[in-house]
Amino acid sequence: MPANFPALVPTEGRPAELKKREPVRTRVVGDEAIAWSERVLWALCIGVYLLVFVPGVLGHGDELMVMGRAVGLTLLTAVLGKIAIGLLARASLPEEEGPSAEEEGPIGSRVELVPSTNVAQQEDGAEAA
């Protein structure tokens, strides 16, 4: 259950084994990267405006229509960019935790390493090649 929603069932009366631990999460993108992505978005918006407006005016198009098209595409770029930056800012990954002293059972791999039975065959095949 997300941390910002209250629990529907009270957790005070639950046994300890039924309480769900929230995993520790780490942000994927740092503050400096978000700041740089906002700067890149500004530059991209300016570039879109100029790439739509200048050729439209030089092509002797109706100036009001060219400006409207340039502003519309620039706003579309800005909105989509802000949505993308917002999603990047909220992105997080669960932090890998090591074995805990509270956990019961064996620590380590559940699959035992089995020695390969065909090592000699692989060496013979390598010598033959």
N, C-alpha and C. Protein backbone atom coordinates (compact mmCIF):
# COMPACT_ATOMS: atom_id res chain seq x y z
N MET A 1 0.85 -1.17 0.00
CA MET A 1 0.00 0.00 0.00
C MET A 1 0.90 1.24 0.00
N PRO A 2 0.61 2.22 -0.84
CA PRO A 2 1.43 3.42 -0.88
C PRO A 2 1.45 4.12 0.47
N ALA A 3 2.55 4.82 0.72
CA ALA A 3 2.75 5.46 2.02
C ALA A 3 1.80 6.63 2.25
N ASN A 4 1.32 7.26 1.19
CA ASN A 4 0.49 8.44 1.39
C ASN A 4 -0.99 8.11 1.57
N PHE A 5 -1.40 6.83 1.50
CA PHE A 5 -2.77 6.44 1.75
C PHE A 5 -2.87 5.81 3.13
N PRO A 6 -3.87 6.17 3.90
CA PRO A 6 -4.01 5.55 5.22
C PRO A 6 -4.43 4.09 5.08
N ALA A 7 -4.05 3.29 6.03
CA ALA A 7 -4.40 1.88 6.00
C ALA A 7 -5.90 1.73 6.24
N LEU A 8 -6.53 0.83 5.51
CA LEU A 8 -7.95 0.59 5.67
C LEU A 8 -8.23 -0.25 6.91
N VAL A 9 -7.29 -1.09 7.26
CA VAL A 9 -7.44 -1.96 8.43
C VAL A 9 -6.41 -1.50 9.47
N PRO A 10 -6.81 -1.31 10.70
CA PRO A 10 -5.84 -0.87 11.70
C PRO A 10 -4.74 -1.92 11.89
N THR A 11 -3.51 -1.45 12.06
CA THR A 11 -2.38 -2.37 12.19
C THR A 11 -1.98 -2.61 13.64
N GLU A 12 -2.59 -1.93 14.59
CA GLU A 12 -2.19 -2.08 15.98
C GLU A 12 -2.50 -3.48 16.50
N GLY A 13 -3.62 -4.06 16.12
CA GLY A 13 -4.03 -5.35 16.66
C GLY A 13 -3.48 -6.53 15.90
N ARG A 14 -2.72 -6.33 14.85
CA ARG A 14 -2.22 -7.42 14.03
C ARG A 14 -1.00 -8.09 14.68
N PRO A 15 -0.87 -9.39 14.45
CA PRO A 15 0.37 -10.05 14.89
C PRO A 15 1.56 -9.51 14.09
N ALA A 16 2.75 -9.68 14.65
CA ALA A 16 3.95 -9.11 14.04
C ALA A 16 4.22 -9.70 12.66
N GLU A 17 3.90 -10.98 12.45
CA GLU A 17 4.21 -11.59 11.16
C GLU A 17 3.27 -11.13 10.05
N LEU A 18 2.13 -10.55 10.39
CA LEU A 18 1.20 -10.07 9.37
C LEU A 18 1.45 -8.62 8.97
N LYS A 19 2.22 -7.89 9.77
CA LYS A 19 2.51 -6.50 9.42
C LYS A 19 3.44 -6.48 8.22
N LYS A 20 3.05 -5.73 7.23
CA LYS A 20 3.82 -5.66 5.99
C LYS A 20 4.85 -4.54 6.10
N ARG A 21 6.11 -4.88 5.85
CA ARG A 21 7.16 -3.87 5.88
C ARG A 21 7.21 -3.19 4.53
N GLU A 22 7.25 -1.88 4.55
CA GLU A 22 7.41 -1.11 3.32
C GLU A 22 8.87 -1.15 2.91
N PRO A 23 9.16 -1.47 1.65
CA PRO A 23 10.56 -1.51 1.23
C PRO A 23 11.15 -0.11 1.18
N VAL A 24 12.42 -0.01 1.48
CA VAL A 24 13.13 1.26 1.40
C VAL A 24 13.38 1.54 -0.08
N ARG A 25 13.05 2.75 -0.52
CA ARG A 25 13.18 3.09 -1.94
C ARG A 25 14.21 4.19 -2.11
N THR A 26 14.93 4.13 -3.21
CA THR A 26 15.97 5.09 -3.54
C THR A 26 15.58 5.80 -4.83
N ARG A 27 15.75 7.12 -4.86
CA ARG A 27 15.44 7.89 -6.07
C ARG A 27 16.39 7.51 -7.19
N VAL A 28 15.84 7.45 -8.40
CA VAL A 28 16.64 7.07 -9.56
C VAL A 28 17.43 8.26 -10.09
N VAL A 29 16.78 9.42 -10.13
CA VAL A 29 17.40 10.62 -10.71
C VAL A 29 17.60 11.65 -9.59
N GLY A 30 18.79 12.23 -9.53
CA GLY A 30 19.11 13.21 -8.50
C GLY A 30 18.58 14.59 -8.83
N ASP A 31 18.72 15.51 -7.86
CA ASP A 31 18.24 16.88 -8.03
C ASP A 31 18.99 17.62 -9.13
N GLU A 32 20.28 17.38 -9.23
CA GLU A 32 21.06 18.07 -10.26
C GLU A 32 20.64 17.62 -11.66
N ALA A 33 20.36 16.35 -11.83
CA ALA A 33 19.92 15.85 -13.13
C ALA A 33 18.54 16.42 -13.49
N ILE A 34 17.68 16.57 -12.51
CA ILE A 34 16.36 17.16 -12.76
C ILE A 34 16.52 18.63 -13.18
N ALA A 35 17.40 19.35 -12.51
CA ALA A 35 17.64 20.75 -12.87
C ALA A 35 18.18 20.86 -14.30
N TRP A 36 19.10 19.98 -14.66
CA TRP A 36 19.63 20.00 -16.03
C TRP A 36 18.57 19.62 -17.06
N SER A 37 17.70 18.69 -16.71
CA SER A 37 16.65 18.30 -17.65
C SER A 37 15.66 19.44 -17.86
N GLU A 38 15.41 20.26 -16.83
CA GLU A 38 14.55 21.42 -17.01
C GLU A 38 15.21 22.46 -17.92
N ARG A 39 16.52 22.63 -17.78
CA ARG A 39 17.23 23.55 -18.69
C ARG A 39 17.18 23.05 -20.13
N VAL A 40 17.35 21.76 -20.31
CA VAL A 40 17.28 21.18 -21.65
C VAL A 40 15.88 21.34 -22.23
N LEU A 41 14.86 21.21 -21.38
CA LEU A 41 13.49 21.41 -21.85
C LEU A 41 13.27 22.84 -22.32
N TRP A 42 13.81 23.82 -21.58
CA TRP A 42 13.69 25.22 -22.03
C TRP A 42 14.34 25.40 -23.39
N ALA A 43 15.54 24.86 -23.55
CA ALA A 43 16.25 24.98 -24.83
C ALA A 43 15.49 24.28 -25.94
N LEU A 44 14.88 23.15 -25.63
CA LEU A 44 14.09 22.43 -26.63
C LEU A 44 12.86 23.23 -27.04
N CYS A 45 12.20 23.87 -26.09
CA CYS A 45 11.04 24.69 -26.40
C CYS A 45 11.42 25.87 -27.30
N ILE A 46 12.54 26.51 -26.99
CA ILE A 46 12.99 27.63 -27.82
C ILE A 46 13.33 27.13 -29.22
N GLY A 47 13.98 25.97 -29.30
CA GLY A 47 14.31 25.40 -30.60
C GLY A 47 13.09 25.05 -31.42
N VAL A 48 12.07 24.48 -30.79
CA VAL A 48 10.83 24.14 -31.51
C VAL A 48 10.16 25.40 -32.03
N TYR A 49 10.10 26.43 -31.20
CA TYR A 49 9.48 27.68 -31.64
C TYR A 49 10.20 28.25 -32.86
N LEU A 50 11.52 28.30 -32.78
CA LEU A 50 12.28 28.88 -33.89
C LEU A 50 12.20 28.01 -35.14
N LEU A 51 12.21 26.70 -34.98
CA LEU A 51 12.14 25.81 -36.13
C LEU A 51 10.77 25.84 -36.82
N VAL A 52 9.75 26.23 -36.12
CA VAL A 52 8.43 26.34 -36.74
C VAL A 52 8.17 27.76 -37.24
N PHE A 53 8.57 28.76 -36.46
CA PHE A 53 8.23 30.15 -36.79
C PHE A 53 9.07 30.69 -37.95
N VAL A 54 10.38 30.53 -37.89
CA VAL A 54 11.26 31.13 -38.91
C VAL A 54 10.98 30.59 -40.31
N PRO A 55 10.92 29.27 -40.53
CA PRO A 55 10.61 28.81 -41.89
C PRO A 55 9.21 29.22 -42.36
N GLY A 56 8.27 29.31 -41.42
CA GLY A 56 6.92 29.74 -41.81
C GLY A 56 6.89 31.17 -42.29
N VAL A 57 7.62 32.04 -41.62
CA VAL A 57 7.67 33.45 -42.03
C VAL A 57 8.47 33.60 -43.32
N LEU A 58 9.58 32.87 -43.43
CA LEU A 58 10.39 32.95 -44.64
C LEU A 58 9.67 32.34 -45.85
N GLY A 59 8.75 31.44 -45.59
CA GLY A 59 7.97 30.84 -46.67
C GLY A 59 6.76 31.67 -47.04
N HIS A 60 6.69 32.90 -46.55
CA HIS A 60 5.61 33.86 -46.84
C HIS A 60 4.24 33.32 -46.42
N GLY A 61 4.22 32.62 -45.29
CA GLY A 61 2.96 32.15 -44.75
C GLY A 61 2.27 33.26 -43.98
N ASP A 62 1.01 33.06 -43.67
CA ASP A 62 0.25 34.02 -42.88
C ASP A 62 0.91 34.09 -41.49
N GLU A 63 1.32 35.29 -41.10
CA GLU A 63 2.12 35.44 -39.89
C GLU A 63 1.37 35.02 -38.63
N LEU A 64 0.09 35.31 -38.57
CA LEU A 64 -0.69 34.94 -37.39
C LEU A 64 -0.82 33.42 -37.29
N MET A 65 -1.04 32.76 -38.42
CA MET A 65 -1.15 31.29 -38.40
C MET A 65 0.19 30.64 -38.06
N VAL A 66 1.27 31.21 -38.61
CA VAL A 66 2.60 30.66 -38.33
C VAL A 66 2.92 30.83 -36.85
N MET A 67 2.63 31.99 -36.29
CA MET A 67 2.89 32.23 -34.89
C MET A 67 2.01 31.33 -34.02
N GLY A 68 0.76 31.16 -34.37
CA GLY A 68 -0.13 30.29 -33.61
C GLY A 68 0.34 28.84 -33.63
N ARG A 69 0.79 28.37 -34.79
CA ARG A 69 1.31 27.01 -34.90
C ARG A 69 2.58 26.86 -34.06
N ALA A 70 3.46 27.86 -34.10
CA ALA A 70 4.70 27.79 -33.34
C ALA A 70 4.43 27.79 -31.84
N VAL A 71 3.52 28.65 -31.41
CA VAL A 71 3.18 28.70 -29.98
C VAL A 71 2.51 27.40 -29.55
N GLY A 72 1.63 26.87 -30.37
CA GLY A 72 0.94 25.61 -30.03
C GLY A 72 1.91 24.45 -29.89
N LEU A 73 2.82 24.30 -30.83
CA LEU A 73 3.79 23.20 -30.75
C LEU A 73 4.77 23.41 -29.60
N THR A 74 5.10 24.66 -29.31
CA THR A 74 5.99 24.94 -28.18
C THR A 74 5.31 24.58 -26.86
N LEU A 75 4.04 24.94 -26.72
CA LEU A 75 3.31 24.59 -25.49
C LEU A 75 3.15 23.08 -25.36
N LEU A 76 2.90 22.41 -26.46
CA LEU A 76 2.79 20.95 -26.43
C LEU A 76 4.11 20.32 -25.98
N THR A 77 5.21 20.83 -26.52
CA THR A 77 6.53 20.34 -26.11
C THR A 77 6.77 20.59 -24.63
N ALA A 78 6.39 21.76 -24.15
CA ALA A 78 6.61 22.10 -22.74
C ALA A 78 5.78 21.21 -21.83
N VAL A 79 4.52 20.97 -22.17
CA VAL A 79 3.66 20.14 -21.32
C VAL A 79 4.16 18.70 -21.29
N LEU A 80 4.48 18.14 -22.44
CA LEU A 80 4.97 16.77 -22.47
C LEU A 80 6.32 16.66 -21.74
N GLY A 81 7.16 17.65 -21.88
CA GLY A 81 8.45 17.64 -21.18
C GLY A 81 8.29 17.72 -19.68
N LYS A 82 7.38 18.58 -19.20
CA LYS A 82 7.15 18.70 -17.76
C LYS A 82 6.57 17.40 -17.19
N ILE A 83 5.71 16.74 -17.95
CA ILE A 83 5.18 15.45 -17.50
C ILE A 83 6.31 14.44 -17.40
N ALA A 84 7.18 14.40 -18.40
CA ALA A 84 8.31 13.46 -18.38
C ALA A 84 9.26 13.76 -17.23
N ILE A 85 9.54 15.01 -16.98
CA ILE A 85 10.44 15.38 -15.87
C ILE A 85 9.79 15.03 -14.53
N GLY A 86 8.49 15.26 -14.42
CA GLY A 86 7.79 14.89 -13.19
C GLY A 86 7.84 13.39 -12.93
N LEU A 87 7.68 12.59 -13.98
CA LEU A 87 7.77 11.14 -13.81
C LEU A 87 9.19 10.72 -13.44
N LEU A 88 10.18 11.36 -14.04
CA LEU A 88 11.57 11.04 -13.69
C LEU A 88 11.87 11.42 -12.24
N ALA A 89 11.32 12.53 -11.79
CA ALA A 89 11.57 12.98 -10.42
C ALA A 89 10.94 12.02 -9.40
N ARG A 90 9.82 11.40 -9.76
CA ARG A 90 9.15 10.49 -8.83
C ARG A 90 9.66 9.06 -8.92
N ALA A 91 10.46 8.74 -9.93
CA ALA A 91 10.92 7.38 -10.13
C ALA A 91 11.82 6.93 -8.98
N SER A 92 11.60 5.72 -8.51
CA SER A 92 12.43 5.18 -7.44
C SER A 92 12.53 3.67 -7.61
N LEU A 93 13.58 3.12 -7.06
CA LEU A 93 13.80 1.68 -7.09
C LEU A 93 13.87 1.15 -5.67
N PRO A 94 13.42 -0.08 -5.45
CA PRO A 94 13.56 -0.64 -4.10
C PRO A 94 15.03 -0.87 -3.80
N GLU A 95 15.41 -0.54 -2.60
CA GLU A 95 16.79 -0.71 -2.18
C GLU A 95 16.99 -2.16 -1.76
N GLU A 96 18.03 -2.76 -2.29
CA GLU A 96 18.31 -4.16 -1.96
C GLU A 96 18.85 -4.24 -0.54
N GLU A 97 18.18 -5.04 0.26
CA GLU A 97 18.62 -5.22 1.63
C GLU A 97 19.29 -6.57 1.77
N GLY A 98 20.31 -6.63 2.56
CA GLY A 98 21.01 -7.88 2.81
C GLY A 98 20.22 -8.75 3.76
N PRO A 99 20.77 -9.91 4.09
CA PRO A 99 20.07 -10.79 5.03
C PRO A 99 19.96 -10.14 6.41
N SER A 100 18.85 -10.36 7.04
CA SER A 100 18.59 -9.76 8.34
C SER A 100 18.71 -10.81 9.43
N ALA A 101 19.09 -10.37 10.61
CA ALA A 101 19.19 -11.29 11.74
C ALA A 101 17.81 -11.74 12.20
N GLU A 102 16.77 -10.98 11.82
CA GLU A 102 15.42 -11.32 12.23
C GLU A 102 14.84 -12.44 11.37
N GLU A 103 15.34 -12.60 10.15
CA GLU A 103 14.80 -13.60 9.24
C GLU A 103 15.27 -14.99 9.65
N GLU A 104 14.37 -15.94 9.50
CA GLU A 104 14.72 -17.32 9.80
C GLU A 104 15.06 -18.04 8.51
N GLY A 105 15.81 -19.12 8.63
CA GLY A 105 16.15 -19.92 7.46
C GLY A 105 17.58 -19.71 7.03
N PRO A 106 18.00 -20.47 6.02
CA PRO A 106 19.40 -20.38 5.58
C PRO A 106 19.67 -19.07 4.86
N ILE A 107 20.88 -18.60 5.01
CA ILE A 107 21.31 -17.39 4.34
C ILE A 107 22.15 -17.82 3.15
N GLY A 108 21.84 -17.27 2.00
CA GLY A 108 22.60 -17.60 0.80
C GLY A 108 21.69 -18.11 -0.29
N SER A 109 22.28 -18.77 -1.26
CA SER A 109 21.54 -19.24 -2.41
C SER A 109 20.72 -20.46 -2.04
N ARG A 110 19.53 -20.54 -2.61
CA ARG A 110 18.70 -21.71 -2.39
C ARG A 110 19.07 -22.83 -3.36
N VAL A 111 19.84 -22.51 -4.36
CA VAL A 111 20.26 -23.50 -5.33
C VAL A 111 21.70 -23.87 -5.01
N GLU A 112 21.94 -25.14 -4.79
CA GLU A 112 23.30 -25.60 -4.51
C GLU A 112 24.07 -25.69 -5.81
N LEU A 113 25.34 -25.34 -5.77
CA LEU A 113 26.18 -25.44 -6.95
C LEU A 113 26.48 -26.91 -7.21
N VAL A 114 26.25 -27.35 -8.43
CA VAL A 114 26.50 -28.73 -8.81
C VAL A 114 27.72 -28.74 -9.71
N PRO A 115 28.71 -29.56 -9.41
CA PRO A 115 29.87 -29.59 -10.29
C PRO A 115 29.47 -30.12 -11.66
N SER A 116 30.03 -29.54 -12.69
CA SER A 116 29.70 -29.92 -14.05
C SER A 116 30.25 -31.31 -14.34
N THR A 117 29.46 -32.13 -15.01
CA THR A 117 29.90 -33.49 -15.33
C THR A 117 30.55 -33.59 -16.70
N ASN A 118 30.51 -32.54 -17.47
CA ASN A 118 31.04 -32.64 -18.82
C ASN A 118 32.25 -31.73 -19.04
N VAL A 119 33.01 -31.44 -18.00
CA VAL A 119 34.17 -30.59 -18.15
C VAL A 119 35.21 -31.24 -19.03
N ALA A 120 35.44 -32.53 -18.83
CA ALA A 120 36.43 -33.24 -19.64
C ALA A 120 36.01 -33.24 -21.11
N GLN A 121 34.72 -33.38 -21.38
CA GLN A 121 34.24 -33.38 -22.76
C GLN A 121 34.45 -32.02 -23.40
N GLN A 122 34.26 -30.93 -22.65
CA GLN A 122 34.48 -29.59 -23.19
C GLN A 122 35.95 -29.38 -23.50
N GLU A 123 36.83 -29.87 -22.62
CA GLU A 123 38.27 -29.71 -22.88
C GLU A 123 38.69 -30.53 -24.09
N ASP A 124 38.14 -31.73 -24.26
CA ASP A 124 38.46 -32.54 -25.44
C ASP A 124 37.98 -31.88 -26.71
N GLY A 125 36.78 -31.25 -26.65
CA GLY A 125 36.23 -30.55 -27.81
C GLY A 125 37.05 -29.32 -28.16
N ALA A 126 37.61 -28.62 -27.16
CA ALA A 126 38.41 -27.45 -27.41
C ALA A 126 39.75 -27.84 -28.05
N GLU A 127 40.33 -28.96 -27.63
CA GLU A 127 41.59 -29.42 -28.22
C GLU A 127 41.40 -29.88 -29.65
N ALA A 128 40.26 -30.48 -29.93
CA ALA A 128 39.99 -30.96 -31.28
C ALA A 128 39.77 -29.82 -32.25
N ALA A 129 39.25 -28.72 -31.78
CA ALA A 129 39.00 -27.58 -32.67
C ALA A 129 40.28 -26.88 -32.94
